[in-house]
Amino acid sequence: MKKIEERLARLEELAERIKENDLPLEDAVAVFEEGIKLAKGLERDLARIEGKVELLMNQPESEEEKPELGLFDDDSGA
């Protein structure tokens, strides 16, 4: 799998290519299809990275601390 930066650069190339007025319809559809696949893959990767960052941000600083999951408010009355 290519790096995110490489795939993003390819997506930008495809975006520029599809703007070409002389691009045949079949080629435009192929470019569009490749772009959609890249965009969806990048979206999944970014969501995965975002999840990792959230986990890291909620990690306790010491072993005694528990991570805050934000599932329940302190005022829940339970």
Protein backbone atom coordinates (compact mmCIF):
# COMPACT_ATOMS: atom_id res chain seq x y z
CA MET A 1 0.00 0.00 0.00
CA LYS A 2 1.27 3.45 -0.89
CA LYS A 3 1.78 6.13 1.70
CA ILE A 4 -1.06 8.53 2.36
CA GLU A 5 0.92 11.40 0.87
CA GLU A 6 1.51 9.48 -2.38
CA ARG A 7 -2.16 8.55 -2.70
CA LEU A 8 -3.23 12.12 -1.97
CA ALA A 9 -0.86 13.40 -4.65
CA ARG A 10 -2.31 10.87 -7.12
CA LEU A 11 -5.84 12.00 -6.22
CA GLU A 12 -4.82 15.60 -6.94
CA GLU A 13 -3.40 14.51 -10.32
CA LEU A 14 -6.66 12.76 -11.15
CA ALA A 15 -8.66 15.84 -10.15
CA GLU A 16 -6.62 17.96 -12.55
CA ARG A 17 -6.85 15.38 -15.31
CA ILE A 18 -10.63 15.09 -15.15
CA LYS A 19 -10.89 18.86 -15.70
CA GLU A 20 -9.30 18.50 -19.15
CA ASN A 21 -11.77 19.40 -21.89
CA ASP A 22 -10.34 16.93 -24.41
CA LEU A 23 -10.51 13.89 -22.11
CA PRO A 24 -12.60 11.16 -23.77
CA LEU A 25 -15.65 10.01 -21.81
CA GLU A 26 -14.32 6.48 -21.22
CA ASP A 27 -11.07 7.88 -19.84
CA ALA A 28 -12.97 10.38 -17.68
CA VAL A 29 -15.02 7.55 -16.18
CA ALA A 30 -11.86 5.54 -15.47
CA VAL A 31 -10.19 8.56 -13.85
CA PHE A 32 -13.32 9.23 -11.80
CA GLU A 33 -13.49 5.59 -10.66
CA GLU A 34 -9.84 5.58 -9.59
CA GLY A 35 -10.36 8.87 -7.77
CA ILE A 36 -13.37 7.56 -5.85
CA LYS A 37 -11.47 4.44 -4.78
CA LEU A 38 -8.53 6.54 -3.62
CA ALA A 39 -10.79 8.99 -1.76
CA LYS A 40 -12.64 6.21 0.06
CA GLY A 41 -9.38 4.49 1.02
CA LEU A 42 -7.92 7.76 2.29
CA GLU A 43 -11.09 8.45 4.26
CA ARG A 44 -10.83 5.04 5.97
CA ASP A 45 -7.15 5.59 6.75
CA LEU A 46 -7.78 9.05 8.18
CA ALA A 47 -10.61 7.73 10.36
CA ARG A 48 -8.28 5.01 11.66
CA ILE A 49 -5.56 7.57 12.41
CA GLU A 50 -8.07 9.84 14.13
CA GLY A 51 -9.11 6.92 16.34
CA LYS A 52 -5.50 6.28 17.32
CA VAL A 53 -4.97 9.95 18.14
CA GLU A 54 -8.08 9.97 20.34
CA LEU A 55 -6.82 6.89 22.19
CA LEU A 56 -3.43 8.48 22.72
CA MET A 57 -4.98 11.72 23.95
CA ASN A 58 -7.08 9.81 26.50
CA GLN A 59 -4.22 7.64 27.77
CA PRO A 60 -3.46 8.10 31.46
CA GLU A 61 -0.24 9.92 32.25
CA SER A 62 0.57 7.45 35.02
CA GLU A 63 -0.47 3.89 35.78
CA GLU A 64 -2.72 5.06 38.64
CA GLU A 65 -4.84 7.26 36.38
CA LYS A 66 -7.68 5.76 34.42
CA PRO A 67 -8.48 7.03 30.92
CA GLU A 68 -11.57 9.20 30.53
CA LEU A 69 -13.87 7.49 28.08
CA GLY A 70 -16.57 10.15 28.20
CA LEU A 71 -19.28 7.54 28.40
CA PHE A 72 -20.96 8.78 31.55
CA ASP A 73 -21.17 12.19 33.14
CA ASP A 74 -20.24 12.57 36.81
CA ASP A 75 -23.75 13.98 37.40
CA SER A 76 -25.52 10.81 36.23
CA GLY A 77 -26.99 10.17 39.68
CA ALA A 78 -26.21 6.47 39.50
